[in-house]
C-alpha atoms as a PDB file:
ATOM      1  CA  MET A   1     -53.747  -8.273  -4.326  1.00  0.00           C
ATOM      2  CA  THR A   2     -50.942  -8.553  -7.169  1.00  0.00           C
ATOM      3  CA  ARG A   3     -49.752 -11.930  -8.557  1.00  0.00           C
ATOM      4  CA  VAL A   4     -46.335 -12.165  -8.234  1.00  0.00           C
ATOM      5  CA  ASP A   5     -44.312 -14.440 -10.326  1.00  0.00           C
ATOM      6  CA  VAL A   6     -41.060 -15.562  -8.605  1.00  0.00           C
ATOM      7  CA  TYR A   7     -38.833 -17.785 -10.921  1.00  0.00           C
ATOM      8  CA  LEU A   8     -36.006 -20.157  -8.554  1.00  0.00           C
ATOM      9  CA  VAL A   9     -32.567 -20.210 -10.657  1.00  0.00           C
ATOM     10  CA  ARG A  10     -29.866 -22.112  -8.538  1.00  0.00           C
ATOM     11  CA  ALA A  11     -26.497 -19.586  -9.283  1.00  0.00           C
ATOM     12  CA  PHE A  12     -23.334 -20.902  -9.180  1.00  0.00           C
ATOM     13  CA  SER A  13     -24.587 -24.496 -10.163  1.00  0.00           C
ATOM     14  CA  ILE A  14     -22.102 -26.905 -11.701  1.00  0.00           C
ATOM     15  CA  ALA A  15     -23.692 -28.953 -14.890  1.00  0.00           C
ATOM     16  CA  GLY A  16     -27.101 -27.989 -13.478  1.00  0.00           C
ATOM     17  CA  HIS A  17     -26.970 -29.180  -9.920  1.00  0.00           C
ATOM     18  CA  GLY A  18     -26.284 -27.933  -6.025  1.00  0.00           C
ATOM     19  CA  GLY A  19     -25.744 -23.437  -6.828  1.00  0.00           C
ATOM     20  CA  ASN A  20     -27.526 -21.315  -4.325  1.00  0.00           C
ATOM     21  CA  LEU A  21     -31.562 -20.756  -5.062  1.00  0.00           C
ATOM     22  CA  ALA A  22     -31.859 -17.112  -5.616  1.00  0.00           C
ATOM     23  CA  GLY A  23     -35.408 -15.566  -6.313  1.00  0.00           C
ATOM     24  CA  VAL A  24     -36.389 -13.645  -9.433  1.00  0.00           C
ATOM     25  CA  VAL A  25     -38.890 -11.447 -10.016  1.00  0.00           C
ATOM     26  CA  LEU A  26     -39.153  -9.400 -13.337  1.00  0.00           C
ATOM     27  CA  ASN A  27     -41.196  -5.927 -14.086  1.00  0.00           C
ATOM     28  CA  ALA A  28     -41.249  -5.145 -10.669  1.00  0.00           C
ATOM     29  CA  ASP A  29     -42.138  -1.473 -11.068  1.00  0.00           C
ATOM     30  CA  THR A  30     -45.094  -1.352  -9.447  1.00  0.00           C
ATOM     31  CA  LEU A  31     -44.141  -3.394  -6.390  1.00  0.00           C
ATOM     32  CA  THR A  32     -43.121  -1.462  -2.471  1.00  0.00           C
ATOM     33  CA  ASP A  33     -40.418  -2.509  -0.701  1.00  0.00           C
ATOM     34  CA  VAL A  34     -42.930  -3.926   1.915  1.00  0.00           C
ATOM     35  CA  GLN A  35     -44.676  -6.505  -0.643  1.00  0.00           C
ATOM     36  CA  LYS A  36     -41.202  -6.820  -1.852  1.00  0.00           C
ATOM     37  CA  GLN A  37     -40.263  -7.771   1.554  1.00  0.00           C
ATOM     38  CA  PHE A  38     -43.265  -9.783   2.321  1.00  0.00           C
ATOM     39  CA  ILE A  39     -42.448 -12.143  -1.153  1.00  0.00           C
ATOM     40  CA  ALA A  40     -38.437 -12.584   0.016  1.00  0.00           C
ATOM     41  CA  LYS A  41     -39.735 -13.586   2.997  1.00  0.00           C
ATOM     42  CA  GLN A  42     -42.359 -16.528   1.259  1.00  0.00           C
ATOM     43  CA  VAL A  43     -39.866 -17.247  -0.938  1.00  0.00           C
ATOM     44  CA  GLY A  44     -37.620 -18.114   1.375  1.00  0.00           C
ATOM     45  CA  VAL A  45     -34.194 -18.792  -0.269  1.00  0.00           C
ATOM     46  CA  SER A  46     -31.188 -16.066   1.226  1.00  0.00           C
ATOM     47  CA  GLU A  47     -32.078 -13.511  -1.269  1.00  0.00           C
ATOM     48  CA  THR A  48     -34.438 -12.341  -3.745  1.00  0.00           C
ATOM     49  CA  ALA A  49     -33.824 -10.042  -6.580  1.00  0.00           C
ATOM     50  CA  PHE A  50     -36.358  -8.020  -8.334  1.00  0.00           C
ATOM     51  CA  VAL A  51     -36.080  -5.965 -11.758  1.00  0.00           C
ATOM     52  CA  SER A  52     -37.180  -2.603 -12.202  1.00  0.00           C
ATOM     53  CA  GLN A  53     -36.876  -0.594 -14.911  1.00  0.00           C
ATOM     54  CA  SER A  54     -33.817   2.536 -14.727  1.00  0.00           C
ATOM     55  CA  ASP A  55     -33.095   6.368 -16.158  1.00  0.00           C
ATOM     56  CA  THR A  56     -29.071   5.281 -15.812  1.00  0.00           C
ATOM     57  CA  ALA A  57     -28.681   1.490 -16.258  1.00  0.00           C
ATOM     58  CA  ASP A  58     -29.950  -1.377 -18.444  1.00  0.00           C
ATOM     59  CA  PHE A  59     -31.846  -2.642 -14.999  1.00  0.00           C
ATOM     60  CA  GLU A  60     -32.524  -1.475 -11.897  1.00  0.00           C
ATOM     61  CA  LEU A  61     -32.088  -4.362  -9.149  1.00  0.00           C
ATOM     62  CA  SER A  62     -32.555  -4.722  -5.412  1.00  0.00           C
ATOM     63  CA  PHE A  63     -32.691  -7.557  -3.117  1.00  0.00           C
ATOM     64  CA  PHE A  64     -34.193  -9.183  -0.656  1.00  0.00           C
ATOM     65  CA  THR A  65     -33.099 -11.189   1.954  1.00  0.00           C
ATOM     66  CA  PRO A  66     -36.568 -13.385   4.404  1.00  0.00           C
ATOM     67  CA  THR A  67     -35.965 -10.585   6.776  1.00  0.00           C
ATOM     68  CA  VAL A  68     -34.198  -7.358   5.049  1.00  0.00           C
ATOM     69  CA  GLU A  69     -32.871  -5.330   2.219  1.00  0.00           C
ATOM     70  CA  VAL A  70     -29.130  -5.191   1.074  1.00  0.00           C
ATOM     71  CA  ASP A  71     -27.077  -3.052  -0.829  1.00  0.00           C
ATOM     72  CA  PHE A  72     -25.857  -6.212  -2.878  1.00  0.00           C
ATOM     73  CA  CYS A  73     -26.279  -9.907  -3.807  1.00  0.00           C
ATOM     74  CA  GLY A  74     -23.807 -11.575  -6.413  1.00  0.00           C
ATOM     75  CA  HIS A  75     -26.150 -14.775  -6.550  1.00  0.00           C
ATOM     76  CA  ALA A  76     -28.858 -12.966  -7.037  1.00  0.00           C
ATOM     77  CA  THR A  77     -27.401 -10.938  -9.554  1.00  0.00           C
ATOM     78  CA  LEU A  78     -25.952 -14.171 -11.733  1.00  0.00           C
ATOM     79  CA  ALA A  79     -29.543 -15.496 -11.648  1.00  0.00           C
ATOM     80  CA  VAL A  80     -31.130 -12.518 -12.908  1.00  0.00           C
ATOM     81  CA  PHE A  81     -29.014 -11.996 -15.888  1.00  0.00           C
ATOM     82  CA  TRP A  82     -28.891 -15.464 -16.154  1.00  0.00           C
ATOM     83  CA  LEU A  83     -32.689 -15.936 -16.422  1.00  0.00           C
ATOM     84  CA  LEU A  84     -33.209 -12.506 -18.979  1.00  0.00           C
ATOM     85  CA  HIS A  85     -31.031 -14.913 -21.076  1.00  0.00           C
ATOM     86  CA  TYR A  86     -32.588 -18.006 -20.550  1.00  0.00           C
ATOM     87  CA  PHE A  87     -35.853 -16.387 -21.350  1.00  0.00           C
ATOM     88  CA  GLN A  88     -34.417 -14.410 -24.196  1.00  0.00           C
ATOM     89  CA  HIS A  89     -35.179 -11.135 -23.248  1.00  0.00           C
ATOM     90  CA  ILE A  90     -31.515 -10.512 -23.835  1.00  0.00           C
ATOM     91  CA  LEU A  91     -28.511 -11.330 -25.516  1.00  0.00           C
ATOM     92  CA  ALA A  92     -24.884 -12.058 -24.987  1.00  0.00           C
ATOM     93  CA  GLY A  93     -23.354  -8.927 -24.373  1.00  0.00           C
ATOM     94  CA  SER A  94     -22.447  -6.071 -21.545  1.00  0.00           C
ATOM     95  CA  TYR A  95     -25.348  -5.034 -19.481  1.00  0.00           C
ATOM     96  CA  GLN A  96     -25.141  -2.544 -16.297  1.00  0.00           C
ATOM     97  CA  GLN A  97     -27.135  -2.889 -13.162  1.00  0.00           C
ATOM     98  CA  GLU A  98     -27.977  -0.228 -10.716  1.00  0.00           C
ATOM     99  CA  THR A  99     -28.181  -1.159  -7.853  1.00  0.00           C
ATOM    100  CA  LYS A 100     -26.978   0.559  -4.368  1.00  0.00           C
ATOM    101  CA  ALA A 101     -24.160  -0.349  -4.072  1.00  0.00           C
ATOM    102  CA  GLY A 102     -23.757   1.660  -7.188  1.00  0.00           C
ATOM    103  CA  ILE A 103     -23.581   0.554 -10.847  1.00  0.00           C
ATOM    104  CA  LEU A 104     -22.398  -2.629 -11.679  1.00  0.00           C
ATOM    105  CA  SER A 105     -21.437  -4.164 -15.066  1.00  0.00           C
ATOM    106  CA  VAL A 106     -22.517  -7.377 -15.763  1.00  0.00           C
ATOM    107  CA  GLU A 107     -21.070  -9.760 -18.970  1.00  0.00           C
ATOM    108  CA  VAL A 108     -23.650 -12.629 -20.582  1.00  0.00           C
ATOM    109  CA  ALA A 109     -21.768 -15.066 -22.624  1.00  0.00           C
ATOM    110  CA  LEU A 110     -22.971 -17.016 -25.815  1.00  0.00           C
ATOM    111  CA  HIS A 111     -24.032 -19.999 -23.337  1.00  0.00           C
ATOM    112  CA  GLY A 112     -25.314 -17.819 -20.605  1.00  0.00           C
ATOM    113  CA  ASP A 113     -22.366 -17.647 -18.226  1.00  0.00           C
ATOM    114  CA  VAL A 114     -22.181 -14.765 -16.370  1.00  0.00           C
ATOM    115  CA  LEU A 115     -19.592 -12.739 -14.913  1.00  0.00           C
ATOM    116  CA  MET A 116     -20.133  -9.290 -12.822  1.00  0.00           C
ATOM    117  CA  SER A 117     -18.490  -6.847 -11.750  1.00  0.00           C
ATOM    118  CA  GLN A 118     -18.328  -5.262  -8.677  1.00  0.00           C
ATOM    119  CA  SER A 119     -17.205  -2.599  -6.027  1.00  0.00           C
ATOM    120  CA  LEU A 120     -13.193  -2.379  -5.746  1.00  0.00           C
ATOM    121  CA  PRO A 121     -12.680  -3.639  -2.191  1.00  0.00           C
ATOM    122  CA  VAL A 122     -12.816  -1.121   1.034  1.00  0.00           C
ATOM    123  CA  TRP A 123     -10.813  -2.669   3.752  1.00  0.00           C
ATOM    124  CA  LEU A 124     -11.643  -2.543   6.772  1.00  0.00           C
ATOM    125  CA  ALA A 125     -10.887  -3.443  11.022  1.00  0.00           C
ATOM    126  CA  GLU A 126      -8.945  -6.689  11.758  1.00  0.00           C
ATOM    127  CA  HIS A 127      -9.975  -8.567  14.363  1.00  0.00           C
ATOM    128  CA  SER A 128      -8.450 -11.028  16.498  1.00  0.00           C
ATOM    129  CA  ALA A 129      -8.879 -14.769  16.235  1.00  0.00           C
ATOM    130  CA  GLU A 130      -9.182 -15.588  20.579  1.00  0.00           C
ATOM    131  CA  GLU A 131     -12.088 -12.605  19.518  1.00  0.00           C
ATOM    132  CA  ILE A 132     -13.301 -14.389  16.616  1.00  0.00           C
ATOM    133  CA  ALA A 133     -12.133 -18.630  16.424  1.00  0.00           C
ATOM    134  CA  PRO A 134     -15.139 -18.879  19.429  1.00  0.00           C
ATOM    135  CA  MET A 135     -17.938 -18.238  17.425  1.00  0.00           C
ATOM    136  CA  LEU A 136     -16.662 -20.930  14.556  1.00  0.00           C
ATOM    137  CA  GLY A 137     -15.994 -23.871  17.557  1.00  0.00           C
ATOM    138  CA  LEU A 138     -12.204 -23.471  17.318  1.00  0.00           C
ATOM    139  CA  ARG A 139      -9.582 -22.885  19.366  1.00  0.00           C
ATOM    140  CA  SER A 140      -7.974 -19.202  18.817  1.00  0.00           C
ATOM    141  CA  GLN A 141      -3.939 -21.306  18.135  1.00  0.00           C
ATOM    142  CA  VAL A 142      -5.681 -23.013  15.055  1.00  0.00           C
ATOM    143  CA  ILE A 143      -6.727 -19.655  12.764  1.00  0.00           C
ATOM    144  CA  ALA A 144      -3.355 -18.106  14.299  1.00  0.00           C
ATOM    145  CA  GLN A 145      -0.862 -20.343  13.708  1.00  0.00           C
ATOM    146  CA  LEU A 146      -1.993 -19.488   9.511  1.00  0.00           C
ATOM    147  CA  GLY A 147      -0.003 -16.330  10.161  1.00  0.00           C
ATOM    148  CA  LEU A 148      -3.213 -14.470   8.405  1.00  0.00           C
ATOM    149  CA  PRO A 149      -5.733 -11.779   9.699  1.00  0.00           C
ATOM    150  CA  ILE A 150      -8.860 -12.292  10.090  1.00  0.00           C
ATOM    151  CA  GLN A 151     -10.376  -8.827   7.835  1.00  0.00           C
ATOM    152  CA  VAL A 152     -13.356  -7.205   6.674  1.00  0.00           C
ATOM    153  CA  VAL A 153     -13.413  -6.769   3.667  1.00  0.00           C
ATOM    154  CA  SER A 154     -16.262  -5.183   0.664  1.00  0.00           C
ATOM    155  CA  THR A 155     -17.035  -5.563  -2.438  1.00  0.00           C
ATOM    156  CA  GLY A 156     -20.519  -5.026  -2.100  1.00  0.00           C
ATOM    157  CA  LEU A 157     -21.185  -6.332   1.327  1.00  0.00           C
ATOM    158  CA  VAL A 158     -19.681  -5.875   4.263  1.00  0.00           C
ATOM    159  CA  ASP A 159     -17.925 -10.065   4.900  1.00  0.00           C
ATOM    160  CA  VAL A 160     -15.258 -11.156   7.373  1.00  0.00           C
ATOM    161  CA  MET A 161     -12.753 -12.896   6.109  1.00  0.00           C
ATOM    162  CA  VAL A 162     -11.268 -15.994   8.327  1.00  0.00           C
ATOM    163  CA  PRO A 163      -9.016 -18.514   7.232  1.00  0.00           C
ATOM    164  CA  VAL A 164      -8.984 -21.705   8.529  1.00  0.00           C
ATOM    165  CA  PRO A 165      -5.888 -24.319   7.637  1.00  0.00           C
ATOM    166  CA  TYR A 166      -7.190 -27.186   5.150  1.00  0.00           C
ATOM    167  CA  GLY A 167      -9.575 -30.255   6.424  1.00  0.00           C
ATOM    168  CA  VAL A 168     -10.459 -27.689   9.313  1.00  0.00           C
ATOM    169  CA  LEU A 169     -13.804 -26.003   7.151  1.00  0.00           C
ATOM    170  CA  ASP A 170     -15.869 -28.777   7.508  1.00  0.00           C
ATOM    171  CA  CYS A 171     -15.291 -29.307  11.438  1.00  0.00           C
ATOM    172  CA  LEU A 172     -16.745 -26.311  12.770  1.00  0.00           C
ATOM    173  CA  GLU A 173     -19.354 -25.505  15.088  1.00  0.00           C
ATOM    174  CA  VAL A 174     -20.903 -22.268  14.316  1.00  0.00           C
ATOM    175  CA  ASP A 175     -22.915 -20.359  16.962  1.00  0.00           C
ATOM    176  CA  SER A 176     -25.212 -18.360  15.079  1.00  0.00           C
ATOM    177  CA  GLU A 177     -26.414 -16.103  17.943  1.00  0.00           C
ATOM    178  CA  ALA A 178     -22.768 -14.811  18.567  1.00  0.00           C
ATOM    179  CA  ILE A 179     -22.050 -14.536  14.900  1.00  0.00           C
ATOM    180  CA  THR A 180     -25.670 -12.103  14.961  1.00  0.00           C
ATOM    181  CA  ARG A 181     -24.274 -10.229  17.573  1.00  0.00           C
ATOM    182  CA  PHE A 182     -21.242  -9.774  15.745  1.00  0.00           C
ATOM    183  CA  CYS A 183     -21.942  -8.625  12.937  1.00  0.00           C
ATOM    184  CA  GLN A 184     -24.843  -6.313  14.376  1.00  0.00           C
ATOM    185  CA  GLN A 185     -21.821  -4.669  16.863  1.00  0.00           C
ATOM    186  CA  HIS A 186     -19.587  -4.086  13.878  1.00  0.00           C
ATOM    187  CA  GLN A 187     -21.896  -3.370  11.180  1.00  0.00           C
ATOM    188  CA  CYS A 188     -21.215  -6.718   9.483  1.00  0.00           C
ATOM    189  CA  VAL A 189     -23.259  -9.239   6.694  1.00  0.00           C
ATOM    190  CA  GLY A 190     -21.485 -12.264   7.842  1.00  0.00           C
ATOM    191  CA  PHE A 191     -18.588 -14.316   8.131  1.00  0.00           C
ATOM    192  CA  HIS A 192     -16.708 -16.461   4.925  1.00  0.00           C
ATOM    193  CA  VAL A 193     -14.468 -18.975   6.305  1.00  0.00           C
ATOM    194  CA  PHE A 194     -12.124 -20.064   3.742  1.00  0.00           C
ATOM    195  CA  GLU A 195      -9.655 -23.054   3.792  1.00  0.00           C
ATOM    196  CA  MET A 196      -7.002 -22.799   0.985  1.00  0.00           C
ATOM    197  CA  ASN A 197      -6.648 -26.383  -0.990  1.00  0.00           C
ATOM    198  CA  PRO A 198      -3.612 -27.910  -2.445  1.00  0.00           C
ATOM    199  CA  PRO A 199      -1.730 -26.598  -5.342  1.00  0.00           C
ATOM    200  CA  GLU A 200      -2.807 -29.313  -7.695  1.00  0.00           C
ATOM    201  CA  ALA A 201      -6.652 -28.872  -6.401  1.00  0.00           C
ATOM    202  CA  ILE A 202      -9.248 -27.272  -9.210  1.00  0.00           C
ATOM    203  CA  TYR A 203     -10.775 -25.019  -6.355  1.00  0.00           C
ATOM    204  CA  THR A 204      -7.885 -22.357  -5.044  1.00  0.00           C
ATOM    205  CA  ALA A 205     -10.230 -21.803  -1.776  1.00  0.00           C
ATOM    206  CA  SER A 206     -12.961 -24.618  -0.055  1.00  0.00           C
ATOM    207  CA  CYS A 207     -15.403 -21.817   1.505  1.00  0.00           C
ATOM    208  CA  ARG A 208     -18.539 -21.535   4.026  1.00  0.00           C
ATOM    209  CA  ASN A 209     -20.729 -17.891   4.438  1.00  0.00           C
ATOM    210  CA  PHE A 210     -22.110 -17.355   7.741  1.00  0.00           C
ATOM    211  CA  ALA A 211     -24.786 -14.655   7.607  1.00  0.00           C
ATOM    212  CA  PRO A 212     -27.760 -15.467  10.765  1.00  0.00           C
ATOM    213  CA  ALA A 213     -27.540 -11.547  11.357  1.00  0.00           C
ATOM    214  CA  VAL A 214     -29.521 -11.263   8.057  1.00  0.00           C
ATOM    215  CA  GLY A 215     -31.915 -14.387   8.302  1.00  0.00           C
ATOM    216  CA  ILE A 216     -28.882 -16.797   6.520  1.00  0.00           C
ATOM    217  CA  PRO A 217     -27.393 -19.675   8.350  1.00  0.00           C
ATOM    218  CA  GLU A 218     -25.249 -20.948   5.994  1.00  0.00           C
ATOM    219  CA  GLU A 219     -25.303 -19.671   2.533  1.00  0.00           C
ATOM    220  CA  SER A 220     -24.081 -22.342  -0.474  1.00  0.00           C
ATOM    221  CA  ALA A 221     -23.020 -19.690  -2.393  1.00  0.00           C
ATOM    222  CA  THR A 222     -22.032 -16.475  -1.900  1.00  0.00           C
ATOM    223  CA  GLY A 223     -21.334 -14.010  -4.858  1.00  0.00           C
ATOM    224  CA  SER A 224     -20.262 -10.997  -3.315  1.00  0.00           C
ATOM    225  CA  SER A 225     -18.030 -12.659  -0.579  1.00  0.00           C
ATOM    226  CA  SER A 226     -16.268 -14.138  -3.553  1.00  0.00           C
ATOM    227  CA  GLY A 227     -15.143 -10.873  -4.826  1.00  0.00           C
ATOM    228  CA  ALA A 228     -13.913  -9.928  -1.131  1.00  0.00           C
ATOM    229  CA  LEU A 229     -11.769 -13.026  -0.580  1.00  0.00           C
ATOM    230  CA  ALA A 230     -10.338 -12.890  -4.549  1.00  0.00           C
ATOM    231  CA  CYS A 231      -9.324  -9.385  -3.193  1.00  0.00           C
ATOM    232  CA  TYR A 232      -8.242 -10.961  -0.321  1.00  0.00           C
ATOM    233  CA  LEU A 233      -6.044 -13.414  -1.905  1.00  0.00           C
ATOM    234  CA  ASN A 234      -4.323 -11.052  -4.628  1.00  0.00           C
ATOM    235  CA  ARG A 235      -3.337  -9.323  -1.514  1.00  0.00           C
ATOM    236  CA  HIS A 236      -1.734 -12.054   0.342  1.00  0.00           C
ATOM    237  CA  PHE A 237      -0.721 -14.206  -2.284  1.00  0.00           C
ATOM    238  CA  GLY A 238      -0.937 -12.599  -5.536  1.00  0.00           C
ATOM    239  CA  TYR A 239      -3.612 -14.796  -7.127  1.00  0.00           C
ATOM    240  CA  GLN A 240      -5.666 -13.049 -10.061  1.00  0.00           C
ATOM    241  CA  GLN A 241      -8.030 -15.861 -11.467  1.00  0.00           C
ATOM    242  CA  MET A 242      -9.130 -18.048  -8.180  1.00  0.00           C
ATOM    243  CA  VAL A 243     -11.691 -20.768  -8.368  1.00  0.00           C
ATOM    244  CA  PHE A 244     -14.370 -21.183  -5.415  1.00  0.00           C
ATOM    245  CA  GLU A 245     -16.047 -24.043  -4.005  1.00  0.00           C
ATOM    246  CA  GLN A 246     -18.888 -23.127  -1.796  1.00  0.00           C
ATOM    247  CA  GLY A 247     -21.892 -25.232   0.224  1.00  0.00           C
ATOM    248  CA  ARG A 248     -20.636 -28.453   0.150  1.00  0.00           C
ATOM    249  CA  ALA A 249     -21.056 -29.319   3.936  1.00  0.00           C
ATOM    250  CA  MET A 250     -24.930 -27.905   3.023  1.00  0.00           C
ATOM    251  CA  LYS A 251     -24.746 -30.847   0.077  1.00  0.00           C
ATOM    252  CA  MET A 252     -25.668 -28.071  -2.782  1.00  0.00           C
ATOM    253  CA  PRO A 253     -21.730 -27.391  -3.965  1.00  0.00           C
ATOM    254  CA  SER A 254     -21.438 -24.832  -6.226  1.00  0.00           C
ATOM    255  CA  ARG A 255     -18.726 -23.216  -8.292  1.00  0.00           C
ATOM    256  CA  LEU A 256     -17.458 -19.631  -8.466  1.00  0.00           C
ATOM    257  CA  VAL A 257     -15.060 -18.042 -10.627  1.00  0.00           C
ATOM    258  CA  THR A 258     -13.677 -14.416 -10.043  1.00  0.00           C
ATOM    259  CA  GLN A 259     -11.489 -12.221 -12.063  1.00  0.00           C
ATOM    260  CA  LEU A 260      -8.816  -9.402 -11.240  1.00  0.00           C
ATOM    261  CA  THR A 261      -8.010  -6.973 -13.643  1.00  0.00           C
ATOM    262  CA  ILE A 262      -4.703  -4.913 -11.994  1.00  0.00           C
ATOM    263  CA  LYS A 263      -3.398  -1.934 -14.661  1.00  0.00           C
ATOM    264  CA  SER A 264       0.125  -0.672 -13.406  1.00  0.00           C
ATOM    265  CA  GLY A 265       0.164  -2.134 -10.168  1.00  0.00           C
ATOM    266  CA  ALA A 266      -3.441  -0.768  -9.031  1.00  0.00           C
ATOM    267  CA  LEU A 267      -6.488  -3.104  -8.780  1.00  0.00           C
ATOM    268  CA  THR A 268      -9.315  -1.319 -11.568  1.00  0.00           C
ATOM    269  CA  GLN A 269     -11.435  -4.063 -12.120  1.00  0.00           C
ATOM    270  CA  VAL A 270     -13.136  -7.423  -9.528  1.00  0.00           C
ATOM    271  CA  GLN A 271     -15.113  -9.728 -11.360  1.00  0.00           C
ATOM    272  CA  VAL A 272     -17.212 -12.835 -10.282  1.00  0.00           C
ATOM    273  CA  GLY A 273     -19.179 -15.201 -11.974  1.00  0.00           C
ATOM    274  CA  GLY A 274     -20.705 -18.353 -13.125  1.00  0.00           C
ATOM    275  CA  GLU A 275     -23.558 -20.702 -14.852  1.00  0.00           C
ATOM    276  CA  GLY A 276     -27.126 -20.680 -13.816  1.00  0.00           C
ATOM    277  CA  ALA A 277     -29.844 -23.736 -13.741  1.00  0.00           C
ATOM    278  CA  PHE A 278     -33.578 -22.970 -14.336  1.00  0.00           C
ATOM    279  CA  LEU A 279     -35.281 -24.623 -10.887  1.00  0.00           C
ATOM    280  CA  LYS A 280     -39.270 -23.584 -11.389  1.00  0.00           C
ATOM    281  CA  ARG A 281     -41.723 -20.571 -11.102  1.00  0.00           C
ATOM    282  CA  VAL A 282     -44.293 -19.871  -8.233  1.00  0.00           C
ATOM    283  CA  MET A 283     -46.978 -17.867  -8.219  1.00  0.00           C
ATOM    284  CA  LEU A 284     -47.597 -15.435  -5.069  1.00  0.00           C
ATOM    285  CA  THR A 285     -50.433 -12.914  -4.078  1.00  0.00           C
ATOM    286  CA  CYS A 286     -49.474  -9.847  -2.239  1.00  0.00           C
END
């Protein structure tokens, strides 16, 4: 039996509260994938990150939900690098992480906030409001009236961007079984549903993320989806810097900052960042 320390971190927290809990296991080189999956299930948060040595980057990270390994996880990445800085294992600066979504850069600020790079967007299929709306308890006209596409986008994980009118986000009636079937059929991770806020609001958009197909009924902060949403909003509105709110319906409010770099009219970098807060350490055996 192997004893493992798991650190729980509030990623994308607001003044130490809210956020999205991620598990972090340091020095995970000797753990097998079976052990990692067992640990992630026991921890029970949406994702647990495992940190190992890398031959091609500063660290290698792998990410497990309670039911499956995923290629990338934004909030767990933030949790890892925030924790490494919190424990003074790393200083402020730029680092690279090796993931199954590629080698991605991470910047750690002096005060510990983390800004992580994601893959450039991959634009995939569009879906009709008639197909998607019933899974959210909405009439198709509610979504269609916005004139924005429902589109699958990936900046590391494949998610469905679903726009809804302002004021509708908190009124969804989610059919998790239908979303699971849809995502399995179309090889998506989940639905990222968002409403644009008024221009004077502090948040560009408010979001909810549903990924029941990978064991996450709803998530309070989704870094990978925020990168994809930033690219979506850049394409349709020209925005380059955005701040998103997520987790309101779960009483776990989260703040996610996004930044896009555009050179000579081409998108060259996608970054998502925020703060972290330490919650507790738990010990498991596997």
